[in-house]
Amino acid sequence: MRIFLTILIITIMAATAKAQSDFVERVGKVSFVSSQNIYVRFKSSEGINIGDTLYIPGDDKLSPALIVNGLSSVSCLCTSITGHIISIDHIVIARIREEKANGKTGVAVPVEKVAEQPVMETDTTDSPKQSGQKQKLRGTISANSYTYFSDTDRPGSQRFRYTLSLYVPQIGGSKFSFETHTSFNHKQGEWENVSDNIFSALKIYNLSARYDFNNSTSIILGRRINPVISGMGAVDGIQFEKNFRNFSFGVIAGSRPDYMDYGFNFSLFQYGAWFGYSTKRGRQSSQSSIAYVEQTNDFTTDRRFLYFQHSNSLIKNLNLFTSAEVDLYMLKNDVPVTTLDLTGLYLSLSYRLSGKFSISGSYDARRNVIYYETYKSFTDRILEEGMRQGYRLNGSWRINRNMTTGLQAGYRFLKSDPQPTKSINGYYTYNDIPGLRLTATLSGSYLMTSHSDLVIGGIDLGKDFAGGRLRSGIGYSYVMNSLTEGDISFKQHIGEFNFAWYIVEKLSLSVNYEGTFESVNSYNTVYIQLRQRF
């Protein structure tokens, strides 16, 4: 099974009340996930800059999760820097300086204030019951419908998706907290697949309960990705954590999710331990950790490895993250032997030259690992023999309050490929066009692989109505795809229309239509979502 490898910069301390902080927090949600990008929608992106970090809530703190690579008036184009699974409807938090959110420039933007991050209880902490406070919780629940139809012989289909994200800290004033992120998907007319295997539809990404003995010792039960050793993926079992001054350590024991349907498979037992060291002084911080992990199948060793990660912001405006994995186990002529095999290396640097310009780059040399007792991974290793070589460079410039532009270039080379994969894409956004009150984004992309050349150009227009309670947008993209084999090329025209209605403060309805038109056929998708925040 392919492991998840991550970038986790460093978890931040819980936010204090707005009157005592330099930051306000704005809530957004993931609106679309592609293979390389994650799109996050806010009521307004005012105060968010290219290169900013967005966070996801978890446990008793916010964890860095996304880097902003592009902006429109209400959306952010992001890449993930976390091992957590971030899917549609996931809550995302932007931390914005008060002078940006409430500055004199532009129209004042209403800020959706998140419930304050809870402080871990100690023996002297007053509980919500004692102080008369209401139970704090945050989350979303949504119902989604995806309808597909075309003028081809392929029949139309309708798929339904229901999601729940919920975080409840210190339940009833106790030391217990609960967190879950779960989705349920099924196709109309194919309920027998769900009846045969519930986990073909039900995906549990997080389902855990936490007990804080005090402000430095915790135990977690259930399914959870540990941010310190997120490269090993989720753990279904028990996790213990202890902090003392700048040091921390923990142990985990349980199973890993089934590699076929992400259900529970208790025969995939795993265990490990980790040790970490972190510092924080003002806005400067650093974190290092090392972990030992053993994963089994029916208690026979599947994989044994060391995981290391380091992040720091010790230099002003510069953020560094690196992670590495070293496998310690292999079978040689069916005999277990100890080895030192580097199976993962990742490095990321981001630098903000000023409040308007930022640049970031990454190097990826991660490869598939071998699970000697588990089906699938050895085949993957044959298909992708050798280390992946991937480089990515991003640059963005906020020209003024209304105009932003950015450029991204990538290079990846697999030894099995006849030639490298190269990509470049850019965008230009103009917010609040005078006289029209529109937001316009021009974008273009070029991708060259060993089997095709892909060119995409597009424009998106969006406008708010009724004080921001209604929003609509249209978009158009032109796609030219040339296949190197057979000298075949085809063109596509893609049109999009979207509409969002914020019915009340936390209840919203959105509709999105996308049509793809070729010379002969057309393909259509309608997406409808009803979402309730709480």
Protein backbone atom coordinates (compact mmCIF):
# COMPACT_ATOMS: atom_id res chain seq x y z
CA MET A 1 0.00 0.00 0.00
CA ARG A 2 1.35 3.41 -0.94
CA ILE A 3 2.07 5.40 2.20
CA PHE A 4 1.06 8.97 2.63
CA LEU A 5 4.00 11.34 2.91
CA THR A 6 3.31 14.81 4.10
CA ILE A 7 4.43 18.24 4.76
CA LEU A 8 3.49 19.47 8.24
CA ILE A 9 5.12 22.79 9.12
CA ILE A 10 4.18 23.14 12.80
CA THR A 11 0.95 23.22 14.73
CA ILE A 12 0.15 26.60 16.22
CA MET A 13 -1.04 27.54 19.64
CA ALA A 14 -4.75 28.01 20.24
CA ALA A 15 -6.03 31.42 19.31
CA THR A 16 -6.84 33.90 22.06
CA ALA A 17 -9.85 36.18 22.12
CA LYS A 18 -10.00 38.75 19.36
CA ALA A 19 -9.61 41.69 21.71
CA GLN A 20 -6.28 40.28 22.87
CA SER A 21 -4.92 39.04 19.51
CA ASP A 22 -3.42 40.50 16.37
CA PHE A 23 -5.37 37.99 14.29
CA VAL A 24 -8.95 37.27 13.36
CA GLU A 25 -10.05 33.93 11.96
CA ARG A 26 -12.14 33.48 8.85
CA VAL A 27 -13.93 30.23 8.10
CA GLY A 28 -13.98 28.73 4.62
CA LYS A 29 -14.71 25.36 3.14
CA VAL A 30 -13.17 23.15 0.49
CA SER A 31 -15.27 23.51 -2.68
CA PHE A 32 -13.30 21.31 -5.09
CA VAL A 33 -10.37 18.87 -4.95
CA SER A 34 -8.26 17.92 -7.97
CA SER A 35 -5.22 15.69 -8.22
CA GLN A 36 -2.85 18.60 -7.52
CA ASN A 37 -4.91 21.51 -6.17
CA ILE A 38 -7.47 22.21 -3.49
CA TYR A 39 -9.96 25.07 -3.87
CA VAL A 40 -11.21 26.83 -0.73
CA ARG A 41 -14.16 29.20 -0.78
CA PHE A 42 -14.66 32.08 1.67
CA LYS A 43 -17.29 34.79 1.82
CA SER A 44 -14.38 37.06 0.94
CA SER A 45 -10.66 36.51 0.43
CA GLU A 46 -9.85 40.08 1.51
CA GLY A 47 -6.76 40.05 3.74
CA ILE A 48 -5.50 36.69 2.44
CA ASN A 49 -2.27 36.82 0.44
CA ILE A 50 -0.50 34.49 -1.98
CA GLY A 51 1.86 32.33 0.07
CA ASP A 52 -0.28 32.45 3.23
CA THR A 53 -0.88 29.27 5.21
CA LEU A 54 -4.44 28.06 5.81
CA TYR A 55 -5.28 25.82 8.74
CA ILE A 56 -7.62 22.99 9.65
CA PRO A 57 -9.06 22.52 13.16
CA GLY A 58 -8.13 19.44 15.11
CA ASP A 59 -7.75 18.38 18.70
CA ASP A 60 -7.16 21.59 20.65
CA LYS A 61 -5.32 23.58 18.01
CA LEU A 62 -5.16 24.63 14.38
CA SER A 63 -2.82 22.69 12.12
CA PRO A 64 -1.15 24.12 8.99
CA ALA A 65 -2.72 22.39 6.00
CA LEU A 66 -2.66 24.47 2.80
CA ILE A 67 -0.53 27.04 1.02
CA VAL A 68 -2.33 29.71 -1.05
CA ASN A 69 -1.08 29.79 -4.65
CA GLY A 70 -3.85 31.83 -6.28
CA LEU A 71 -6.72 34.13 -5.32
CA SER A 72 -10.05 35.43 -6.53
CA SER A 73 -12.46 37.60 -4.54
CA VAL A 74 -13.94 34.61 -2.70
CA SER A 75 -11.73 31.60 -3.49
CA CYS A 76 -8.17 30.41 -2.89
CA LEU A 77 -6.25 27.98 -5.08
CA CYS A 78 -4.11 25.90 -2.71
CA THR A 79 -1.73 22.99 -2.43
CA SER A 80 -1.73 20.64 0.54
CA ILE A 81 1.10 20.53 3.10
CA THR A 82 -0.47 17.97 5.43
CA GLY A 83 -1.03 14.24 5.62
CA HIS A 84 -4.64 14.77 6.64
CA ILE A 85 -7.19 13.85 4.01
CA ILE A 86 -8.86 17.11 2.97
CA SER A 87 -12.04 16.53 0.97
CA ILE A 88 -14.96 18.64 -0.20
CA ASP A 89 -16.72 20.50 2.65
CA HIS A 90 -13.72 20.27 4.98
CA ILE A 91 -13.49 23.33 7.25
CA VAL A 92 -10.50 25.58 6.57
CA ILE A 93 -9.38 28.55 8.68
CA ALA A 94 -7.57 31.67 7.47
CA ARG A 95 -5.76 33.69 10.17
CA ILE A 96 -5.71 37.34 9.10
CA ARG A 97 -4.10 40.28 10.78
CA GLU A 98 -6.68 42.70 12.12
CA GLU A 99 -5.25 45.60 10.18
CA LYS A 100 -5.74 43.59 6.97
CA ALA A 101 -9.22 42.41 7.80
CA ASN A 102 -10.44 45.74 9.10
CA GLY A 103 -8.11 48.14 7.33
CA LYS A 104 -9.12 51.42 5.80
CA THR A 105 -8.54 50.27 2.25
CA GLY A 106 -11.54 48.80 0.47
CA VAL A 107 -14.95 47.94 1.81
CA ALA A 108 -15.09 46.46 5.30
CA VAL A 109 -15.37 42.69 5.05
CA PRO A 110 -17.58 40.78 7.50
CA VAL A 111 -15.42 38.23 9.30
CA GLU A 112 -16.81 34.86 10.29
CA LYS A 113 -15.37 34.39 13.76
CA VAL A 114 -14.57 30.83 14.76
CA ALA A 115 -15.24 29.70 18.27
CA GLU A 116 -12.13 30.35 20.34
CA GLN A 117 -9.71 27.47 20.50
CA PRO A 118 -10.10 25.69 23.82
CA VAL A 119 -7.31 25.63 26.36
CA MET A 120 -6.43 22.18 27.67
CA GLU A 121 -7.87 21.79 31.12
CA THR A 122 -5.78 21.67 34.26
CA ASP A 123 -6.94 21.08 37.81
CA THR A 124 -7.63 24.79 38.21
CA THR A 125 -9.46 25.38 34.92
CA ASP A 126 -13.11 26.31 35.24
CA SER A 127 -15.36 24.10 33.17
CA PRO A 128 -18.07 25.50 30.89
CA LYS A 129 -20.70 24.35 33.36
CA GLN A 130 -19.05 26.26 36.19
CA SER A 131 -18.77 29.46 34.20
CA GLY A 132 -22.17 29.14 32.54
CA GLN A 133 -20.70 28.90 29.07
CA LYS A 134 -22.37 26.92 26.33
CA GLN A 135 -20.78 23.81 24.89
CA LYS A 136 -18.34 24.78 22.15
CA LEU A 137 -18.43 22.88 18.89
CA ARG A 138 -17.80 23.51 15.25
CA GLY A 139 -18.46 21.57 12.11
CA THR A 140 -20.53 21.18 8.96
CA ILE A 141 -23.10 18.77 7.62
CA SER A 142 -23.98 18.72 3.94
CA ALA A 143 -26.00 16.86 1.32
CA ASN A 144 -24.62 16.81 -2.21
CA SER A 145 -26.00 15.63 -5.53
CA TYR A 146 -23.93 14.97 -8.69
CA THR A 147 -25.91 14.46 -11.91
CA TYR A 148 -24.20 13.40 -15.14
CA PHE A 149 -25.71 13.20 -18.62
CA SER A 150 -24.43 13.33 -22.20
CA ASP A 151 -25.50 12.82 -25.81
CA THR A 152 -23.44 9.63 -26.07
CA ASP A 153 -24.48 6.02 -25.55
CA ARG A 154 -23.23 6.23 -21.98
CA PRO A 155 -26.25 6.32 -19.63
CA GLY A 156 -26.75 9.22 -17.26
CA SER A 157 -26.09 8.79 -13.56
CA GLN A 158 -26.77 10.45 -10.24
CA ARG A 159 -24.57 10.19 -7.21
CA PHE A 160 -25.32 11.38 -3.67
CA ARG A 161 -22.81 12.32 -1.03
CA TYR A 162 -23.38 13.20 2.61
CA THR A 163 -20.61 14.55 4.81
CA LEU A 164 -20.17 15.34 8.47
CA SER A 165 -17.25 17.21 10.02
CA LEU A 166 -17.50 17.80 13.74
CA TYR A 167 -15.19 18.85 16.55
CA VAL A 168 -16.50 19.02 20.14
CA PRO A 169 -13.89 20.07 22.73
CA GLN A 170 -14.19 19.38 26.46
CA ILE A 171 -17.64 17.82 26.30
CA GLY A 172 -19.87 19.11 29.07
CA GLY A 173 -16.92 20.67 30.84
CA SER A 174 -15.11 17.33 31.05
CA LYS A 175 -11.65 16.40 29.78
CA PHE A 176 -13.12 14.47 26.86
CA SER A 177 -13.14 15.81 23.28
CA PHE A 178 -14.56 14.26 20.12
CA GLU A 179 -13.71 14.71 16.44
CA THR A 180 -14.92 13.14 13.20
CA HIS A 181 -14.80 13.64 9.45
CA THR A 182 -16.97 11.13 7.62
CA SER A 183 -18.63 10.86 4.21
CA PHE A 184 -21.17 8.51 2.66
CA ASN A 185 -21.41 8.11 -1.14
CA HIS A 186 -23.74 6.04 -3.25
CA LYS A 187 -25.04 5.92 -6.81
CA GLN A 188 -28.70 5.80 -7.67
CA GLY A 189 -29.70 2.27 -8.67
CA GLU A 190 -26.57 0.66 -7.21
CA TRP A 191 -27.56 0.21 -3.59
CA GLU A 192 -26.63 -3.48 -3.73
CA ASN A 193 -22.97 -2.44 -3.72
CA VAL A 194 -23.53 -0.69 -0.40
CA SER A 195 -25.41 -3.70 0.97
CA ASP A 196 -22.55 -6.01 0.01
CA ASN A 197 -19.87 -3.79 1.58
CA ILE A 198 -20.79 -0.74 3.65
CA PHE A 199 -17.24 0.59 3.32
CA SER A 200 -17.64 0.92 -0.44
CA ALA A 201 -19.79 3.95 0.44
CA LEU A 202 -18.81 4.92 3.97
CA LYS A 203 -15.43 6.64 4.29
CA ILE A 204 -14.26 7.45 7.81
CA TYR A 205 -11.25 9.74 7.66
CA ASN A 206 -11.28 10.64 11.35
CA LEU A 207 -13.31 9.24 14.23
CA SER A 208 -11.59 9.74 17.55
CA ALA A 209 -12.12 10.62 21.19
CA ARG A 210 -9.45 12.36 23.25
CA TYR A 211 -8.95 12.50 27.01
CA ASP A 212 -6.64 15.14 28.48
CA PHE A 213 -5.31 14.05 31.86
CA ASN A 214 -3.81 17.53 32.23
CA ASN A 215 -2.32 20.20 29.99
CA SER A 216 0.59 17.95 28.95
CA THR A 217 -0.73 14.36 28.84
CA SER A 218 -3.39 12.95 26.51
CA ILE A 219 -4.73 9.67 25.21
CA ILE A 220 -6.65 9.27 21.93
CA LEU A 221 -8.87 6.35 20.91
CA GLY A 222 -10.22 5.68 17.43
CA ARG A 223 -9.06 6.51 13.90
CA ARG A 224 -6.68 9.45 13.67
CA ILE A 225 -3.62 10.60 11.72
CA ASN A 226 -0.89 11.64 14.12
CA PRO A 227 0.57 14.93 12.81
CA VAL A 228 4.02 14.08 14.16
CA ILE A 229 4.24 10.83 12.16
CA SER A 230 1.61 11.50 9.52
CA GLY A 231 3.67 9.72 6.87
CA MET A 232 2.44 6.37 8.17
CA GLY A 233 -1.21 7.30 7.63
CA ALA A 234 -4.14 6.71 9.95
CA VAL A 235 -4.05 4.58 13.09
CA ASP A 236 -7.12 2.64 14.23
CA GLY A 237 -6.37 2.15 17.89
CA ILE A 238 -4.80 3.98 20.78
CA GLN A 239 -2.31 6.86 20.87
CA PHE A 240 -0.63 8.31 23.94
CA GLU A 241 1.09 11.72 24.00
CA LYS A 242 3.18 13.45 26.67
CA ASN A 243 4.76 16.93 26.59
CA PHE A 244 7.35 18.32 28.96
CA ARG A 245 8.84 21.73 28.31
CA ASN A 246 10.17 21.68 24.74
CA PHE A 247 10.12 17.88 24.47
CA SER A 248 7.34 15.47 23.60
CA PHE A 249 6.98 11.76 23.04
CA GLY A 250 4.25 9.29 22.27
CA VAL A 251 3.34 5.71 21.41
CA ILE A 252 0.76 4.26 19.04
CA ALA A 253 -0.76 0.80 18.75
CA GLY A 254 -3.57 -0.45 16.56
CA SER A 255 -4.25 -1.32 12.95
CA ARG A 256 -4.10 0.56 9.68
CA PRO A 257 -7.09 1.04 7.34
CA ASP A 258 -7.87 -1.63 4.77
CA TYR A 259 -5.92 -0.95 1.59
CA MET A 260 -8.88 -1.85 -0.67
CA ASP A 261 -11.81 0.17 0.73
CA TYR A 262 -10.37 2.18 3.66
CA GLY A 263 -12.52 0.21 6.08
CA PHE A 264 -11.33 -1.38 9.31
CA ASN A 265 -8.93 -4.31 9.04
CA PHE A 266 -7.61 -5.39 12.41
CA SER A 267 -5.25 -7.96 10.85
CA LEU A 268 -3.07 -5.04 9.68
CA PHE A 269 -1.60 -4.44 13.12
CA GLN A 270 0.93 -1.62 13.57
CA TYR A 271 2.76 0.03 16.42
CA GLY A 272 5.43 2.64 16.97
CA ALA A 273 6.89 5.40 19.10
CA TRP A 274 8.03 8.95 18.40
CA PHE A 275 10.09 11.67 20.06
CA GLY A 276 9.96 15.39 19.30
CA TYR A 277 11.58 18.70 20.18
CA SER A 278 10.11 22.13 19.45
CA THR A 279 10.85 25.77 20.22
CA LYS A 280 8.80 28.93 19.92
CA ARG A 281 9.89 32.52 20.44
CA GLY A 282 7.50 35.17 19.19
CA ARG A 283 6.78 34.41 15.54
CA GLN A 284 9.82 32.15 15.22
CA SER A 285 9.40 28.43 15.77
CA SER A 286 10.95 25.07 14.97
CA GLN A 287 9.89 21.46 15.33
CA SER A 288 11.76 18.19 14.85
CA SER A 289 10.60 14.63 15.39
CA ILE A 290 11.75 11.08 14.73
CA ALA A 291 9.63 7.95 14.87
CA TYR A 292 10.06 4.18 14.67
CA VAL A 293 7.15 2.27 13.15
CA GLU A 294 6.48 -1.41 12.48
CA GLN A 295 3.52 -2.49 10.32
CA THR A 296 2.34 -6.09 10.04
CA ASN A 297 -0.17 -8.31 8.25
CA ASP A 298 -1.52 -11.10 10.48
CA PHE A 299 1.33 -10.18 12.84
CA THR A 300 3.95 -10.92 10.19
CA THR A 301 6.23 -7.96 9.51
CA ASP A 302 5.06 -6.00 6.48
CA ARG A 303 7.26 -2.95 6.83
CA ARG A 304 9.66 -1.45 9.38
CA PHE A 305 10.89 2.12 8.99
CA LEU A 306 12.14 5.34 10.56
CA TYR A 307 10.37 8.64 9.87
CA PHE A 308 11.94 12.07 10.37
CA GLN A 309 10.49 15.52 9.85
CA HIS A 310 11.68 19.04 10.59
CA SER A 311 10.14 22.46 10.12
CA ASN A 312 11.18 25.93 11.17
CA SER A 313 10.55 29.63 10.66
CA LEU A 314 13.70 30.80 12.43
CA ILE A 315 14.60 33.21 9.62
CA LYS A 316 12.16 36.06 9.08
CA ASN A 317 9.72 35.40 6.22
CA LEU A 318 11.35 32.02 5.46
CA ASN A 319 9.61 28.69 6.17
CA LEU A 320 11.38 25.35 5.78
CA PHE A 321 9.94 21.85 5.86
CA THR A 322 11.67 18.54 5.21
CA SER A 323 10.79 14.91 5.79
CA ALA A 324 12.51 11.60 5.16
CA GLU A 325 11.75 7.89 5.51
CA VAL A 326 14.25 5.07 5.80
CA ASP A 327 13.12 1.44 5.51
CA LEU A 328 14.85 -0.96 7.89
CA TYR A 329 13.45 -4.29 6.67
CA MET A 330 13.42 -6.37 3.51
CA LEU A 331 13.10 -9.98 2.39
CA LYS A 332 16.12 -11.34 0.54
CA ASN A 333 15.57 -14.84 -0.85
CA ASP A 334 12.56 -15.05 1.51
CA VAL A 335 14.84 -14.37 4.48
CA PRO A 336 14.26 -11.21 6.58
CA VAL A 337 17.30 -8.91 6.66
CA THR A 338 18.00 -5.48 8.07
CA THR A 339 18.61 -2.71 5.56
CA LEU A 340 18.90 1.06 5.28
CA ASP A 341 16.88 2.12 2.24
CA LEU A 342 15.85 5.75 1.70
CA THR A 343 12.26 5.55 0.45
CA GLY A 344 11.13 9.10 1.01
CA LEU A 345 12.67 12.56 0.83
CA TYR A 346 10.79 15.85 0.61
CA LEU A 347 11.99 19.44 0.92
CA SER A 348 9.94 22.63 0.76
CA LEU A 349 10.98 26.28 1.13
CA SER A 350 8.78 29.37 1.01
CA TYR A 351 9.93 32.98 1.25
CA ARG A 352 7.93 36.17 1.33
CA LEU A 353 9.99 39.03 -0.06
CA SER A 354 7.39 41.58 1.01
CA GLY A 355 3.71 41.81 1.76
CA LYS A 356 3.08 41.67 -1.99
CA PHE A 357 5.53 39.12 -3.40
CA SER A 358 6.24 35.55 -2.34
CA ILE A 359 8.08 32.58 -3.79
CA SER A 360 8.18 28.91 -2.87
CA GLY A 361 9.81 25.77 -4.16
CA SER A 362 9.84 22.06 -3.40
CA TYR A 363 11.78 18.91 -4.24
CA ASP A 364 10.08 15.52 -4.12
CA ALA A 365 12.05 12.26 -4.19
CA ARG A 366 9.48 9.87 -2.74
CA ARG A 367 8.85 6.40 -4.10
CA ASN A 368 6.52 3.49 -3.50
CA VAL A 369 7.55 1.19 -0.69
CA ILE A 370 7.28 -2.58 -0.55
CA TYR A 371 4.86 -4.27 1.83
CA TYR A 372 6.07 -7.85 1.87
CA GLU A 373 2.88 -9.35 3.26
CA THR A 374 0.26 -7.06 1.72
CA TYR A 375 -1.11 -7.25 -1.82
CA LYS A 376 -0.60 -4.39 -4.29
CA SER A 377 2.52 -2.44 -3.36
CA PHE A 378 5.08 -4.72 -5.04
CA THR A 379 3.26 -4.33 -8.36
CA ASP A 380 3.26 -0.58 -7.89
CA ARG A 381 7.00 -0.71 -7.26
CA ILE A 382 7.56 -2.53 -10.56
CA LEU A 383 5.46 0.04 -12.42
CA GLU A 384 7.31 2.96 -10.85
CA GLU A 385 10.78 1.57 -10.26
CA GLY A 386 13.26 4.06 -8.93
CA MET A 387 12.82 7.34 -7.14
CA ARG A 388 10.52 10.01 -8.45
CA GLN A 389 12.25 13.25 -9.30
CA GLY A 390 9.95 16.21 -8.89
CA TYR A 391 10.58 19.95 -8.64
CA ARG A 392 8.04 22.72 -8.27
CA LEU A 393 8.48 26.49 -8.19
CA ASN A 394 5.76 29.03 -7.39
CA GLY A 395 5.78 32.81 -7.51
CA SER A 396 3.01 35.33 -6.85
CA TRP A 397 2.70 39.09 -6.81
CA ARG A 398 -0.11 41.21 -5.40
CA ILE A 399 0.25 44.20 -7.72
CA ASN A 400 -2.20 46.32 -5.75
CA ARG A 401 -5.36 45.84 -3.70
CA ASN A 402 -7.33 44.64 -6.72
CA MET A 403 -4.79 42.89 -8.95
CA THR A 404 -2.89 39.65 -8.32
CA THR A 405 -0.82 37.46 -10.62
CA GLY A 406 1.06 34.22 -10.20
CA LEU A 407 3.11 31.60 -12.00
CA GLN A 408 3.89 27.96 -11.23
CA ALA A 409 6.34 25.62 -12.96
CA GLY A 410 6.91 21.91 -12.38
CA TYR A 411 9.33 19.22 -13.52
CA ARG A 412 9.04 15.49 -12.80
CA PHE A 413 11.03 12.58 -14.15
CA LEU A 414 10.41 8.87 -13.59
CA LYS A 415 13.21 6.60 -14.75
CA SER A 416 10.62 4.50 -16.54
CA ASP A 417 9.39 7.49 -18.58
CA PRO A 418 10.80 8.16 -22.07
CA GLN A 419 10.98 11.87 -21.22
CA PRO A 420 10.27 14.17 -18.26
CA THR A 421 6.90 15.71 -17.48
CA LYS A 422 6.96 19.51 -17.58
CA SER A 423 4.23 21.94 -16.62
CA ILE A 424 3.68 25.66 -16.32
CA ASN A 425 0.56 27.59 -15.41
CA GLY A 426 -0.26 31.16 -14.55
CA TYR A 427 -3.17 33.42 -13.68
CA TYR A 428 -4.13 37.06 -13.40
CA THR A 429 -7.02 38.22 -11.17
CA TYR A 430 -8.71 41.64 -11.11
CA ASN A 431 -11.05 42.15 -8.16
CA ASP A 432 -13.92 44.63 -8.23
CA ILE A 433 -13.61 45.91 -11.82
CA PRO A 434 -14.71 49.59 -11.81
CA GLY A 435 -18.24 50.15 -13.07
CA LEU A 436 -19.01 46.42 -13.26
CA ARG A 437 -18.21 45.29 -9.71
CA LEU A 438 -17.00 42.00 -11.21
CA THR A 439 -14.07 39.77 -10.36
CA ALA A 440 -12.27 38.38 -13.40
CA THR A 441 -9.54 35.73 -13.56
CA LEU A 442 -7.53 34.83 -16.64
CA SER A 443 -5.60 31.55 -16.46
CA GLY A 444 -3.47 29.39 -18.69
CA SER A 445 -1.69 26.04 -18.38
CA TYR A 446 0.67 23.91 -20.44
CA LEU A 447 1.51 20.29 -19.64
CA MET A 448 3.95 18.14 -21.61
CA THR A 449 4.24 14.42 -20.86
CA SER A 450 5.75 11.48 -22.72
CA HIS A 451 2.37 10.76 -24.33
CA SER A 452 0.59 14.11 -24.73
CA ASP A 453 0.80 17.90 -24.87
CA LEU A 454 -2.04 19.73 -23.11
CA VAL A 455 -2.86 23.44 -23.43
CA ILE A 456 -5.63 25.11 -21.40
CA GLY A 457 -6.76 28.74 -21.41
CA GLY A 458 -9.69 30.16 -19.50
CA ILE A 459 -11.57 33.11 -18.02
CA ASP A 460 -13.85 33.23 -14.96
CA LEU A 461 -16.20 36.05 -13.95
CA GLY A 462 -17.97 36.39 -10.60
CA LYS A 463 -20.25 38.91 -8.93
CA ASP A 464 -21.93 39.32 -5.53
CA PHE A 465 -25.53 40.46 -5.04
CA ALA A 466 -27.76 41.37 -2.09
CA GLY A 467 -24.91 42.35 0.17
CA GLY A 468 -23.01 39.13 -0.45
CA ARG A 469 -25.92 36.75 0.24
CA LEU A 470 -26.10 35.83 -3.42
CA ARG A 471 -23.21 35.12 -5.74
CA SER A 472 -23.08 33.94 -9.31
CA GLY A 473 -20.28 33.25 -11.75
CA ILE A 474 -19.57 32.02 -15.26
CA GLY A 475 -16.44 30.55 -16.78
CA TYR A 476 -15.06 29.34 -20.07
CA SER A 477 -12.01 27.18 -20.86
CA TYR A 478 -10.48 26.10 -24.13
CA VAL A 479 -8.59 22.79 -24.11
CA MET A 480 -6.23 21.46 -26.79
CA ASN A 481 -4.84 17.96 -26.19
CA SER A 482 -2.34 16.45 -28.63
CA LEU A 483 -1.44 12.79 -28.30
CA THR A 484 2.09 11.96 -29.40
CA GLU A 485 1.15 8.46 -30.54
CA GLY A 486 -0.76 8.51 -33.81
CA ASP A 487 -0.50 12.28 -34.12
CA ILE A 488 -4.04 12.70 -32.74
CA SER A 489 -5.39 15.93 -31.30
CA PHE A 490 -8.78 17.04 -30.05
CA LYS A 491 -10.33 20.26 -28.77
CA GLN A 492 -12.77 20.88 -25.97
CA HIS A 493 -14.85 23.90 -24.98
CA ILE A 494 -15.79 23.88 -21.30
CA GLY A 495 -18.45 26.21 -19.90
CA GLU A 496 -19.36 26.66 -16.26
CA PHE A 497 -22.10 28.42 -14.33
CA ASN A 498 -22.30 28.60 -10.55
CA PHE A 499 -24.72 30.12 -8.09
CA ALA A 500 -24.57 30.35 -4.29
CA TRP A 501 -27.22 31.52 -1.85
CA TYR A 502 -26.36 32.14 1.80
CA ILE A 503 -29.89 31.56 3.06
CA VAL A 504 -29.14 32.43 6.66
CA GLU A 505 -25.85 32.96 8.49
CA LYS A 506 -24.81 29.30 8.52
CA LEU A 507 -27.07 27.69 5.91
CA SER A 508 -26.17 27.84 2.23
CA LEU A 509 -27.29 26.38 -1.09
CA SER A 510 -25.02 26.19 -4.13
CA VAL A 511 -25.56 24.99 -7.71
CA ASN A 512 -22.82 24.38 -10.26
CA TYR A 513 -23.15 23.36 -13.91
CA GLU A 514 -20.26 22.31 -16.13
CA GLY A 515 -20.58 21.39 -19.79
CA THR A 516 -17.79 19.94 -21.95
CA PHE A 517 -18.36 20.25 -25.68
CA GLU A 518 -16.36 18.43 -28.33
CA SER A 519 -16.81 18.37 -32.09
CA VAL A 520 -19.24 15.46 -31.87
CA ASN A 521 -20.32 14.91 -28.27
CA SER A 522 -21.16 16.91 -25.19
CA TYR A 523 -20.93 15.97 -21.51
CA ASN A 524 -22.79 17.69 -18.66
CA THR A 525 -22.51 17.67 -14.89
CA VAL A 526 -24.78 19.39 -12.36
CA TYR A 527 -23.64 19.67 -8.76
CA ILE A 528 -26.02 20.79 -5.98
CA GLN A 529 -25.09 21.22 -2.35
CA LEU A 530 -27.04 22.13 0.77
CA ARG A 531 -24.73 22.85 3.69
CA GLN A 532 -25.31 23.71 7.34
CA ARG A 533 -22.52 25.01 9.58
CA PHE A 534 -22.72 24.90 13.33
